[in-house]
PDB file of N, CA and C in Angstrom:
ATOM      1  N   MET A   1     -16.236 -18.442   1.408  1.00  0.00           N
ATOM      2  CA  MET A   1     -16.825 -19.067   0.035  1.00  0.00           C
ATOM      3  C   MET A   1     -17.378 -20.375  -0.012  1.00  0.00           C
ATOM      4  N   GLU A   2     -16.988 -21.202   1.031  1.00  0.00           N
ATOM      5  CA  GLU A   2     -17.495 -22.500   1.081  1.00  0.00           C
ATOM      6  C   GLU A   2     -18.827 -22.472   1.582  1.00  0.00           C
ATOM      7  N   SER A   3     -19.348 -21.433   2.361  1.00  0.00           N
ATOM      8  CA  SER A   3     -20.782 -21.363   2.728  1.00  0.00           C
ATOM      9  C   SER A   3     -21.507 -20.946   1.630  1.00  0.00           C
ATOM     10  N   PHE A   4     -21.058 -20.253   0.549  1.00  0.00           N
ATOM     11  CA  PHE A   4     -21.811 -20.003  -0.579  1.00  0.00           C
ATOM     12  C   PHE A   4     -22.179 -21.218  -1.455  1.00  0.00           C
ATOM     13  N   PHE A   5     -21.094 -22.108  -1.494  1.00  0.00           N
ATOM     14  CA  PHE A   5     -21.452 -23.440  -2.356  1.00  0.00           C
ATOM     15  C   PHE A   5     -22.331 -24.188  -1.342  1.00  0.00           C
ATOM     16  N   ASN A   6     -22.288 -24.140  -0.194  1.00  0.00           N
ATOM     17  CA  ASN A   6     -23.417 -25.003   0.702  1.00  0.00           C
ATOM     18  C   ASN A   6     -24.455 -24.464   0.505  1.00  0.00           C
ATOM     19  N   THR A   7     -24.838 -23.143   0.400  1.00  0.00           N
ATOM     20  CA  THR A   7     -26.141 -22.454   0.315  1.00  0.00           C
ATOM     21  C   THR A   7     -26.667 -22.848  -1.087  1.00  0.00           C
ATOM     22  N   VAL A   8     -25.916 -22.884  -2.215  1.00  0.00           N
ATOM     23  CA  VAL A   8     -26.282 -23.190  -3.515  1.00  0.00           C
ATOM     24  C   VAL A   8     -26.883 -24.702  -3.521  1.00  0.00           C
ATOM     25  N   ARG A   9     -26.140 -25.604  -2.797  1.00  0.00           N
ATOM     26  CA  ARG A   9     -26.603 -26.898  -2.841  1.00  0.00           C
ATOM     27  C   ARG A   9     -27.874 -27.080  -2.008  1.00  0.00           C
ATOM     28  N   VAL A  10     -28.253 -26.250  -0.985  1.00  0.00           N
ATOM     29  CA  VAL A  10     -29.400 -26.348  -0.215  1.00  0.00           C
ATOM     30  C   VAL A  10     -30.616 -26.191  -1.120  1.00  0.00           C
ATOM     31  N   VAL A  11     -30.643 -25.472  -1.993  1.00  0.00           N
ATOM     32  CA  VAL A  11     -31.673 -25.092  -2.753  1.00  0.00           C
ATOM     33  C   VAL A  11     -31.743 -26.166  -3.900  1.00  0.00           C
ATOM     34  N   PRO A  12     -32.775 -26.815  -4.167  1.00  0.00           N
ATOM     35  CA  PRO A  12     -32.918 -28.069  -5.047  1.00  0.00           C
ATOM     36  C   PRO A  12     -32.523 -27.616  -6.467  1.00  0.00           C
ATOM     37  N   LEU A  13     -31.842 -28.335  -7.223  1.00  0.00           N
ATOM     38  CA  LEU A  13     -31.506 -28.120  -8.465  1.00  0.00           C
ATOM     39  C   LEU A  13     -32.654 -27.805  -9.511  1.00  0.00           C
ATOM     40  N   ASN A  14     -33.910 -28.273  -9.172  1.00  0.00           N
ATOM     41  CA  ASN A  14     -34.934 -28.020  -9.996  1.00  0.00           C
ATOM     42  C   ASN A  14     -35.553 -26.501  -9.992  1.00  0.00           C
ATOM     43  N   HIS A  15     -35.239 -26.115  -8.824  1.00  0.00           N
ATOM     44  CA  HIS A  15     -35.641 -24.534  -8.727  1.00  0.00           C
ATOM     45  C   HIS A  15     -34.724 -23.590  -9.533  1.00  0.00           C
ATOM     46  N   TYR A  16     -33.396 -23.961  -9.535  1.00  0.00           N
ATOM     47  CA  TYR A  16     -32.508 -23.338 -10.633  1.00  0.00           C
ATOM     48  C   TYR A  16     -32.922 -23.417 -11.966  1.00  0.00           C
ATOM     49  N   ILE A  17     -33.292 -24.638 -12.442  1.00  0.00           N
ATOM     50  CA  ILE A  17     -33.647 -24.914 -13.579  1.00  0.00           C
ATOM     51  C   ILE A  17     -34.872 -24.232 -14.146  1.00  0.00           C
ATOM     52  N   MET A  18     -35.914 -24.109 -13.246  1.00  0.00           N
ATOM     53  CA  MET A  18     -37.101 -23.481 -13.411  1.00  0.00           C
ATOM     54  C   MET A  18     -36.960 -22.000 -13.543  1.00  0.00           C
ATOM     55  N   LEU A  19     -36.062 -21.423 -12.584  1.00  0.00           N
ATOM     56  CA  LEU A  19     -35.763 -19.966 -12.888  1.00  0.00           C
ATOM     57  C   LEU A  19     -35.125 -19.654 -14.148  1.00  0.00           C
ATOM     58  N   SER A  20     -34.139 -20.319 -14.448  1.00  0.00           N
ATOM     59  CA  SER A  20     -33.572 -20.241 -15.651  1.00  0.00           C
ATOM     60  C   SER A  20     -34.359 -20.373 -16.896  1.00  0.00           C
ATOM     61  N   CYS A  21     -35.334 -21.278 -16.869  1.00  0.00           N
ATOM     62  CA  CYS A  21     -36.208 -21.426 -17.945  1.00  0.00           C
ATOM     63  C   CYS A  21     -37.180 -20.196 -18.105  1.00  0.00           C
ATOM     64  N   ILE A  22     -37.639 -19.781 -16.724  1.00  0.00           N
ATOM     65  CA  ILE A  22     -38.496 -18.555 -16.810  1.00  0.00           C
ATOM     66  C   ILE A  22     -37.822 -17.263 -17.421  1.00  0.00           C
ATOM     67  N   LEU A  23     -36.561 -17.126 -17.047  1.00  0.00           N
ATOM     68  CA  LEU A  23     -35.792 -16.160 -17.490  1.00  0.00           C
ATOM     69  C   LEU A  23     -35.571 -16.125 -18.981  1.00  0.00           C
ATOM     70  N   PHE A  24     -35.106 -17.438 -19.540  1.00  0.00           N
ATOM     71  CA  PHE A  24     -34.889 -17.595 -20.856  1.00  0.00           C
ATOM     72  C   PHE A  24     -36.221 -17.262 -21.698  1.00  0.00           C
ATOM     73  N   SER A  25     -37.321 -17.625 -21.098  1.00  0.00           N
ATOM     74  CA  SER A  25     -38.616 -17.651 -21.929  1.00  0.00           C
ATOM     75  C   SER A  25     -38.955 -16.074 -21.930  1.00  0.00           C
ATOM     76  N   ILE A  26     -38.805 -15.376 -20.926  1.00  0.00           N
ATOM     77  CA  ILE A  26     -39.102 -13.998 -20.882  1.00  0.00           C
ATOM     78  C   ILE A  26     -38.140 -13.256 -22.070  1.00  0.00           C
ATOM     79  N   GLY A  27     -36.927 -13.674 -22.030  1.00  0.00           N
ATOM     80  CA  GLY A  27     -36.019 -13.185 -23.036  1.00  0.00           C
ATOM     81  C   GLY A  27     -36.537 -13.443 -24.369  1.00  0.00           C
ATOM     82  N   VAL A  28     -37.011 -14.717 -24.703  1.00  0.00           N
ATOM     83  CA  VAL A  28     -37.358 -15.035 -26.129  1.00  0.00           C
ATOM     84  C   VAL A  28     -38.713 -14.391 -26.367  1.00  0.00           C
ATOM     85  N   ILE A  29     -39.563 -14.297 -25.461  1.00  0.00           N
ATOM     86  CA  ILE A  29     -40.832 -13.375 -25.620  1.00  0.00           C
ATOM     87  C   ILE A  29     -40.373 -11.916 -26.028  1.00  0.00           C
ATOM     88  N   GLY A  30     -39.549 -11.441 -25.314  1.00  0.00           N
ATOM     89  CA  GLY A  30     -39.125  -9.912 -25.626  1.00  0.00           C
ATOM     90  C   GLY A  30     -38.455  -9.810 -26.819  1.00  0.00           C
ATOM     91  N   VAL A  31     -37.863 -10.727 -27.224  1.00  0.00           N
ATOM     92  CA  VAL A  31     -37.156 -10.630 -28.665  1.00  0.00           C
ATOM     93  C   VAL A  31     -38.184 -10.774 -29.721  1.00  0.00           C
ATOM     94  N   LEU A  32     -39.203 -11.759 -29.466  1.00  0.00           N
ATOM     95  CA  LEU A  32     -40.230 -11.896 -30.633  1.00  0.00           C
ATOM     96  C   LEU A  32     -41.184 -10.774 -30.699  1.00  0.00           C
ATOM     97  N   ILE A  33     -41.613 -10.240 -29.592  1.00  0.00           N
ATOM     98  CA  ILE A  33     -42.878  -9.412 -29.414  1.00  0.00           C
ATOM     99  C   ILE A  33     -42.398  -7.992 -29.481  1.00  0.00           C
ATOM    100  N   ARG A  34     -41.384  -7.624 -28.936  1.00  0.00           N
ATOM    101  CA  ARG A  34     -40.995  -6.093 -28.787  1.00  0.00           C
ATOM    102  C   ARG A  34     -40.366  -5.735 -30.200  1.00  0.00           C
ATOM    103  N   ARG A  35     -40.468  -4.214 -30.500  1.00  0.00           N
ATOM    104  CA  ARG A  35     -39.907  -3.687 -31.721  1.00  0.00           C
ATOM    105  C   ARG A  35     -38.874  -2.781 -31.468  1.00  0.00           C
ATOM    106  N   ASN A  36     -38.669  -2.394 -30.204  1.00  0.00           N
ATOM    107  CA  ASN A  36     -37.656  -1.527 -29.873  1.00  0.00           C
ATOM    108  C   ASN A  36     -36.246  -2.306 -29.729  1.00  0.00           C
ATOM    109  N   ALA A  37     -35.228  -1.589 -30.460  1.00  0.00           N
ATOM    110  CA  ALA A  37     -34.095  -2.414 -30.670  1.00  0.00           C
ATOM    111  C   ALA A  37     -33.211  -2.359 -29.341  1.00  0.00           C
ATOM    112  N   ILE A  38     -33.353  -1.609 -28.357  1.00  0.00           N
ATOM    113  CA  ILE A  38     -32.745  -1.698 -27.068  1.00  0.00           C
ATOM    114  C   ILE A  38     -33.326  -2.708 -26.276  1.00  0.00           C
ATOM    115  N   VAL A  39     -34.753  -2.860 -26.323  1.00  0.00           N
ATOM    116  CA  VAL A  39     -35.393  -3.983 -25.539  1.00  0.00           C
ATOM    117  C   VAL A  39     -35.157  -5.164 -26.110  1.00  0.00           C
ATOM    118  N   ILE A  40     -34.821  -5.394 -27.290  1.00  0.00           N
ATOM    119  CA  ILE A  40     -34.365  -6.454 -28.037  1.00  0.00           C
ATOM    120  C   ILE A  40     -32.951  -7.001 -27.422  1.00  0.00           C
ATOM    121  N   PHE A  41     -32.097  -6.043 -27.444  1.00  0.00           N
ATOM    122  CA  PHE A  41     -30.738  -6.256 -26.928  1.00  0.00           C
ATOM    123  C   PHE A  41     -30.871  -6.795 -25.486  1.00  0.00           C
ATOM    124  N   MET A  42     -31.838  -6.089 -24.706  1.00  0.00           N
ATOM    125  CA  MET A  42     -31.843  -6.450 -23.224  1.00  0.00           C
ATOM    126  C   MET A  42     -32.453  -7.821 -23.121  1.00  0.00           C
ATOM    127  N   SER A  43     -33.307  -8.280 -23.964  1.00  0.00           N
ATOM    128  CA  SER A  43     -33.870  -9.537 -23.913  1.00  0.00           C
ATOM    129  C   SER A  43     -32.975 -10.658 -24.340  1.00  0.00           C
ATOM    130  N   VAL A  44     -31.985 -10.403 -25.248  1.00  0.00           N
ATOM    131  CA  VAL A  44     -30.911 -11.161 -25.512  1.00  0.00           C
ATOM    132  C   VAL A  44     -29.868 -11.473 -24.312  1.00  0.00           C
ATOM    133  N   GLU A  45     -29.646 -10.287 -23.663  1.00  0.00           N
ATOM    134  CA  GLU A  45     -28.835 -10.295 -22.561  1.00  0.00           C
ATOM    135  C   GLU A  45     -29.521 -11.106 -21.305  1.00  0.00           C
ATOM    136  N   LEU A  46     -30.654 -10.935 -21.273  1.00  0.00           N
ATOM    137  CA  LEU A  46     -31.571 -11.884 -20.281  1.00  0.00           C
ATOM    138  C   LEU A  46     -31.352 -13.294 -20.589  1.00  0.00           C
ATOM    139  N   MET A  47     -31.407 -13.605 -21.813  1.00  0.00           N
ATOM    140  CA  MET A  47     -31.140 -15.185 -22.329  1.00  0.00           C
ATOM    141  C   MET A  47     -29.987 -15.531 -21.954  1.00  0.00           C
ATOM    142  N   LEU A  48     -28.763 -14.707 -22.152  1.00  0.00           N
ATOM    143  CA  LEU A  48     -27.421 -15.058 -21.838  1.00  0.00           C
ATOM    144  C   LEU A  48     -27.316 -15.287 -20.475  1.00  0.00           C
ATOM    145  N   ASN A  49     -27.860 -14.559 -19.571  1.00  0.00           N
ATOM    146  CA  ASN A  49     -27.808 -14.495 -18.173  1.00  0.00           C
ATOM    147  C   ASN A  49     -28.633 -15.845 -17.638  1.00  0.00           C
ATOM    148  N   ALA A  50     -29.593 -16.264 -18.277  1.00  0.00           N
ATOM    149  CA  ALA A  50     -30.188 -17.453 -17.807  1.00  0.00           C
ATOM    150  C   ALA A  50     -29.372 -18.677 -18.110  1.00  0.00           C
ATOM    151  N   VAL A  51     -28.609 -18.568 -19.199  1.00  0.00           N
ATOM    152  CA  VAL A  51     -27.807 -19.877 -19.460  1.00  0.00           C
ATOM    153  C   VAL A  51     -26.358 -19.729 -18.571  1.00  0.00           C
ATOM    154  N   ASN A  52     -26.023 -18.431 -18.163  1.00  0.00           N
ATOM    155  CA  ASN A  52     -25.038 -18.277 -17.270  1.00  0.00           C
ATOM    156  C   ASN A  52     -25.326 -18.770 -15.896  1.00  0.00           C
ATOM    157  N   LEU A  53     -26.589 -18.594 -15.478  1.00  0.00           N
ATOM    158  CA  LEU A  53     -27.087 -19.099 -14.226  1.00  0.00           C
ATOM    159  C   LEU A  53     -26.958 -20.596 -14.202  1.00  0.00           C
ATOM    160  N   LEU A  54     -27.465 -21.402 -15.245  1.00  0.00           N
ATOM    161  CA  LEU A  54     -27.403 -22.723 -15.369  1.00  0.00           C
ATOM    162  C   LEU A  54     -26.095 -23.293 -15.303  1.00  0.00           C
ATOM    163  N   LEU A  55     -25.201 -22.732 -16.033  1.00  0.00           N
ATOM    164  CA  LEU A  55     -23.851 -23.107 -16.117  1.00  0.00           C
ATOM    165  C   LEU A  55     -23.109 -23.000 -14.807  1.00  0.00           C
ATOM    166  N   ALA A  56     -23.329 -21.883 -14.017  1.00  0.00           N
ATOM    167  CA  ALA A  56     -22.713 -21.737 -12.771  1.00  0.00           C
ATOM    168  C   ALA A  56     -23.301 -22.784 -11.699  1.00  0.00           C
ATOM    169  N   VAL A  57     -24.547 -22.973 -11.761  1.00  0.00           N
ATOM    170  CA  VAL A  57     -25.140 -23.829 -10.704  1.00  0.00           C
ATOM    171  C   VAL A  57     -24.722 -25.341 -11.015  1.00  0.00           C
ATOM    172  N   PHE A  58     -24.680 -25.643 -12.204  1.00  0.00           N
ATOM    173  CA  PHE A  58     -24.283 -27.181 -12.621  1.00  0.00           C
ATOM    174  C   PHE A  58     -22.830 -27.351 -12.401  1.00  0.00           C
ATOM    175  N   SER A  59     -21.782 -26.224 -12.417  1.00  0.00           N
ATOM    176  CA  SER A  59     -20.700 -26.267 -12.030  1.00  0.00           C
ATOM    177  C   SER A  59     -20.389 -26.471 -10.515  1.00  0.00           C
ATOM    178  N   VAL A  60     -21.233 -25.822  -9.712  1.00  0.00           N
ATOM    179  CA  VAL A  60     -21.292 -26.098  -8.259  1.00  0.00           C
ATOM    180  C   VAL A  60     -21.730 -27.258  -7.974  1.00  0.00           C
ATOM    181  N   TYR A  61     -22.847 -27.896  -8.453  1.00  0.00           N
ATOM    182  CA  TYR A  61     -23.414 -29.191  -8.169  1.00  0.00           C
ATOM    183  C   TYR A  61     -22.491 -30.163  -8.631  1.00  0.00           C
ATOM    184  N   ARG A  62     -21.791 -30.048  -9.633  1.00  0.00           N
ATOM    185  CA  ARG A  62     -20.807 -31.155 -10.201  1.00  0.00           C
ATOM    186  C   ARG A  62     -19.385 -31.072  -9.384  1.00  0.00           C
ATOM    187  N   GLY A  63     -19.164 -29.746  -8.978  1.00  0.00           N
ATOM    188  CA  GLY A  63     -17.846 -29.608  -8.192  1.00  0.00           C
ATOM    189  C   GLY A  63     -16.709 -29.373  -9.023  1.00  0.00           C
ATOM    190  N   ASP A  64     -16.895 -28.933 -10.432  1.00  0.00           N
ATOM    191  CA  ASP A  64     -15.704 -28.554 -11.240  1.00  0.00           C
ATOM    192  C   ASP A  64     -16.007 -27.210 -11.717  1.00  0.00           C
ATOM    193  N   ALA A  65     -14.952 -26.555 -12.195  1.00  0.00           N
ATOM    194  CA  ALA A  65     -14.896 -25.185 -12.506  1.00  0.00           C
ATOM    195  C   ALA A  65     -15.232 -24.953 -13.994  1.00  0.00           C
ATOM    196  N   SER A  66     -15.366 -25.881 -14.666  1.00  0.00           N
ATOM    197  CA  SER A  66     -15.706 -25.651 -15.971  1.00  0.00           C
ATOM    198  C   SER A  66     -16.678 -24.916 -16.550  1.00  0.00           C
ATOM    199  N   GLY A  67     -17.763 -25.137 -15.854  1.00  0.00           N
ATOM    200  CA  GLY A  67     -19.185 -24.258 -16.172  1.00  0.00           C
ATOM    201  C   GLY A  67     -18.802 -22.743 -15.753  1.00  0.00           C
ATOM    202  N   GLN A  68     -17.964 -22.569 -14.710  1.00  0.00           N
ATOM    203  CA  GLN A  68     -17.712 -21.117 -14.323  1.00  0.00           C
ATOM    204  C   GLN A  68     -16.888 -20.437 -15.541  1.00  0.00           C
ATOM    205  N   VAL A  69     -15.839 -21.251 -16.115  1.00  0.00           N
ATOM    206  CA  VAL A  69     -15.036 -20.773 -17.045  1.00  0.00           C
ATOM    207  C   VAL A  69     -15.846 -20.433 -18.161  1.00  0.00           C
ATOM    208  N   PHE A  70     -16.855 -21.102 -18.571  1.00  0.00           N
ATOM    209  CA  PHE A  70     -17.822 -20.898 -19.680  1.00  0.00           C
ATOM    210  C   PHE A  70     -18.647 -19.534 -19.514  1.00  0.00           C
ATOM    211  N   VAL A  71     -19.023 -19.497 -18.225  1.00  0.00           N
ATOM    212  CA  VAL A  71     -19.687 -18.334 -17.801  1.00  0.00           C
ATOM    213  C   VAL A  71     -18.900 -16.972 -18.067  1.00  0.00           C
ATOM    214  N   PHE A  72     -17.581 -17.282 -17.708  1.00  0.00           N
ATOM    215  CA  PHE A  72     -16.555 -16.174 -17.915  1.00  0.00           C
ATOM    216  C   PHE A  72     -16.427 -15.649 -19.307  1.00  0.00           C
ATOM    217  N   PHE A  73     -16.486 -16.572 -20.299  1.00  0.00           N
ATOM    218  CA  PHE A  73     -16.342 -16.368 -21.684  1.00  0.00           C
ATOM    219  C   PHE A  73     -17.691 -15.889 -22.115  1.00  0.00           C
ATOM    220  N   ILE A  74     -18.794 -16.121 -21.770  1.00  0.00           N
ATOM    221  CA  ILE A  74     -20.143 -15.869 -22.220  1.00  0.00           C
ATOM    222  C   ILE A  74     -20.280 -14.440 -21.854  1.00  0.00           C
ATOM    223  N   MET A  75     -19.763 -14.024 -20.537  1.00  0.00           N
ATOM    224  CA  MET A  75     -19.756 -12.548 -20.160  1.00  0.00           C
ATOM    225  C   MET A  75     -19.102 -11.816 -20.925  1.00  0.00           C
ATOM    226  N   ALA A  76     -17.855 -12.097 -21.427  1.00  0.00           N
ATOM    227  CA  ALA A  76     -16.884 -11.499 -22.254  1.00  0.00           C
ATOM    228  C   ALA A  76     -17.586 -11.373 -23.464  1.00  0.00           C
ATOM    229  N   LEU A  77     -18.253 -12.301 -24.075  1.00  0.00           N
ATOM    230  CA  LEU A  77     -18.926 -12.316 -25.319  1.00  0.00           C
ATOM    231  C   LEU A  77     -20.152 -11.356 -25.294  1.00  0.00           C
ATOM    232  N   ALA A  78     -20.822 -11.329 -24.200  1.00  0.00           N
ATOM    233  CA  ALA A  78     -22.000 -10.427 -23.955  1.00  0.00           C
ATOM    234  C   ALA A  78     -21.569  -8.998 -24.051  1.00  0.00           C
ATOM    235  N   ALA A  79     -20.365  -8.726 -23.327  1.00  0.00           N
ATOM    236  CA  ALA A  79     -19.826  -7.456 -23.357  1.00  0.00           C
ATOM    237  C   ALA A  79     -19.563  -6.684 -24.789  1.00  0.00           C
ATOM    238  N   ALA A  80     -18.887  -7.689 -25.573  1.00  0.00           N
ATOM    239  CA  ALA A  80     -18.625  -7.446 -26.877  1.00  0.00           C
ATOM    240  C   ALA A  80     -19.797  -7.097 -27.660  1.00  0.00           C
ATOM    241  N   GLU A  81     -20.820  -7.957 -27.504  1.00  0.00           N
ATOM    242  CA  GLU A  81     -22.026  -7.755 -28.237  1.00  0.00           C
ATOM    243  C   GLU A  81     -22.862  -6.550 -27.933  1.00  0.00           C
ATOM    244  N   VAL A  82     -22.976  -6.195 -26.625  1.00  0.00           N
ATOM    245  CA  VAL A  82     -23.316  -4.880 -26.281  1.00  0.00           C
ATOM    246  C   VAL A  82     -22.678  -3.710 -26.932  1.00  0.00           C
ATOM    247  N   ALA A  83     -21.398  -3.681 -27.020  1.00  0.00           N
ATOM    248  CA  ALA A  83     -20.661  -2.708 -27.563  1.00  0.00           C
ATOM    249  C   ALA A  83     -20.925  -2.393 -28.992  1.00  0.00           C
ATOM    250  N   ILE A  84     -21.019  -3.617 -29.593  1.00  0.00           N
ATOM    251  CA  ILE A  84     -21.313  -3.577 -31.080  1.00  0.00           C
ATOM    252  C   ILE A  84     -22.743  -3.275 -31.301  1.00  0.00           C
ATOM    253  N   GLY A  85     -23.581  -3.764 -30.639  1.00  0.00           N
ATOM    254  CA  GLY A  85     -24.975  -3.660 -30.909  1.00  0.00           C
ATOM    255  C   GLY A  85     -25.306  -2.277 -30.559  1.00  0.00           C
ATOM    256  N   LEU A  86     -24.865  -1.631 -29.514  1.00  0.00           N
ATOM    257  CA  LEU A  86     -25.260  -0.171 -29.239  1.00  0.00           C
ATOM    258  C   LEU A  86     -24.627   0.633 -30.415  1.00  0.00           C
ATOM    259  N   ALA A  87     -23.362   0.395 -30.868  1.00  0.00           N
ATOM    260  CA  ALA A  87     -22.877   1.083 -31.921  1.00  0.00           C
ATOM    261  C   ALA A  87     -23.797   1.116 -33.276  1.00  0.00           C
ATOM    262  N   ILE A  88     -24.263  -0.200 -33.554  1.00  0.00           N
ATOM    263  CA  ILE A  88     -25.253  -0.229 -34.553  1.00  0.00           C
ATOM    264  C   ILE A  88     -26.505   0.486 -34.279  1.00  0.00           C
ATOM    265  N   ILE A  89     -26.988   0.372 -33.004  1.00  0.00           N
ATOM    266  CA  ILE A  89     -28.273   1.186 -32.765  1.00  0.00           C
ATOM    267  C   ILE A  89     -28.033   2.743 -32.986  1.00  0.00           C
ATOM    268  N   VAL A  90     -26.948   3.182 -32.580  1.00  0.00           N
ATOM    269  CA  VAL A  90     -26.534   4.633 -32.732  1.00  0.00           C
ATOM    270  C   VAL A  90     -26.553   4.983 -34.258  1.00  0.00           C
ATOM    271  N   MET A  91     -25.889   4.114 -35.067  1.00  0.00           N
ATOM    272  CA  MET A  91     -25.829   4.404 -36.527  1.00  0.00           C
ATOM    273  C   MET A  91     -27.332   4.247 -37.161  1.00  0.00           C
ATOM    274  N   ILE A  92     -28.139   3.410 -36.598  1.00  0.00           N
ATOM    275  CA  ILE A  92     -29.524   3.286 -37.082  1.00  0.00           C
ATOM    276  C   ILE A  92     -30.291   4.615 -36.715  1.00  0.00           C
ATOM    277  N   TYR A  93     -30.106   4.979 -35.532  1.00  0.00           N
ATOM    278  CA  TYR A  93     -30.696   6.155 -35.023  1.00  0.00           C
ATOM    279  C   TYR A  93     -30.468   7.504 -35.944  1.00  0.00           C
ATOM    280  N   ARG A  94     -29.082   7.427 -36.210  1.00  0.00           N
ATOM    281  CA  ARG A  94     -28.638   8.716 -36.829  1.00  0.00           C
ATOM    282  C   ARG A  94     -29.162   8.612 -38.402  1.00  0.00           C
ATOM    283  N   ASN A  95     -29.457   7.587 -38.940  1.00  0.00           N
ATOM    284  CA  ASN A  95     -29.953   7.510 -40.331  1.00  0.00           C
ATOM    285  C   ASN A  95     -31.420   7.663 -40.302  1.00  0.00           C
ATOM    286  N   THR A  96     -32.235   7.084 -39.348  1.00  0.00           N
ATOM    287  CA  THR A  96     -33.741   7.066 -39.581  1.00  0.00           C
ATOM    288  C   THR A  96     -34.352   7.674 -38.368  1.00  0.00           C
ATOM    289  N   SER A  97     -33.488   8.367 -37.383  1.00  0.00           N
ATOM    290  CA  SER A  97     -34.177   9.208 -36.303  1.00  0.00           C
ATOM    291  C   SER A  97     -35.190   8.181 -35.438  1.00  0.00           C
ATOM    292  N   SER A  98     -34.977   6.808 -35.562  1.00  0.00           N
ATOM    293  CA  SER A  98     -35.806   6.038 -34.686  1.00  0.00           C
ATOM    294  C   SER A  98     -35.054   4.679 -34.390  1.00  0.00           C
ATOM    295  N   ILE A  99     -35.421   4.141 -33.305  1.00  0.00           N
ATOM    296  CA  ILE A  99     -34.784   2.821 -33.055  1.00  0.00           C
ATOM    297  C   ILE A  99     -35.778   1.767 -33.236  1.00  0.00           C
ATOM    298  N   ASP A 100     -36.977   2.013 -33.728  1.00  0.00           N
ATOM    299  CA  ASP A 100     -38.057   1.103 -33.944  1.00  0.00           C
ATOM    300  C   ASP A 100     -37.705  -0.014 -35.089  1.00  0.00           C
ATOM    301  N   THR A 101     -37.783  -1.326 -34.899  1.00  0.00           N
ATOM    302  CA  THR A 101     -37.347  -2.320 -35.894  1.00  0.00           C
ATOM    303  C   THR A 101     -38.271  -2.224 -37.080  1.00  0.00           C
ATOM    304  N   ASN A 102     -39.340  -1.691 -36.989  1.00  0.00           N
ATOM    305  CA  ASN A 102     -40.261  -1.622 -38.105  1.00  0.00           C
ATOM    306  C   ASN A 102     -39.838  -0.737 -39.256  1.00  0.00           C
ATOM    307  N   VAL A 103     -39.199   0.366 -38.659  1.00  0.00           N
ATOM    308  CA  VAL A 103     -38.572   1.406 -39.616  1.00  0.00           C
ATOM    309  C   VAL A 103     -37.378   0.738 -40.426  1.00  0.00           C
ATOM    310  N   LEU A 104     -36.871  -0.343 -40.097  1.00  0.00           N
ATOM    311  CA  LEU A 104     -35.766  -0.886 -40.842  1.00  0.00           C
ATOM    312  C   LEU A 104     -36.058  -1.470 -42.133  1.00  0.00           C
ATOM    313  N   ASN A 105     -37.158  -1.373 -42.584  1.00  0.00           N
ATOM    314  CA  ASN A 105     -37.524  -2.228 -43.853  1.00  0.00           C
ATOM    315  C   ASN A 105     -36.882  -1.507 -45.119  1.00  0.00           C
ATOM    316  N   LYS A 106     -36.007  -0.303 -44.891  1.00  0.00           N
ATOM    317  CA  LYS A 106     -35.174   0.100 -45.894  1.00  0.00           C
ATOM    318  C   LYS A 106     -34.034  -0.776 -46.163  1.00  0.00           C
ATOM    319  N   LEU A 107     -33.689  -1.679 -45.390  1.00  0.00           N
ATOM    320  CA  LEU A 107     -32.624  -2.537 -45.589  1.00  0.00           C
ATOM    321  C   LEU A 107     -32.854  -3.555 -46.428  1.00  0.00           C
ATOM    322  N   LYS A 108     -34.355  -3.757 -46.762  1.00  0.00           N
ATOM    323  CA  LYS A 108     -34.840  -4.789 -47.909  1.00  0.00           C
ATOM    324  C   LYS A 108     -34.264  -4.386 -49.067  1.00  0.00           C
ATOM    325  N   TRP A 109     -34.563  -5.342 -50.174  1.00  0.00           N
ATOM    326  CA  TRP A 109     -34.168  -4.889 -51.506  1.00  0.00           C
ATOM    327  C   TRP A 109     -35.088  -4.074 -52.044  1.00  0.00           C
TER     328      TRP A 109
END
């Protein structure tokens, strides 16, 4: 396990930050552009994983485990979000026979 921490420290911190920014940007673009509810949920998960990557890397670079604890809680939150989100998508599909978010204008007044 110690070799993993040494490997993480060999790669400069800027590379991890840039990778996380790219992943987060792809997630934001996916949420803003796509209309499929499943793709939107996948984009939200991508953004959460980008944050998890940064928290884990900063935790290793600083030498404390608090970032890894936050990663654990964010993963638990993401699992709950997926379960509830997929249940909502199933209910929307049953009512509208589509998971396109443009069809959801029936929820408006």
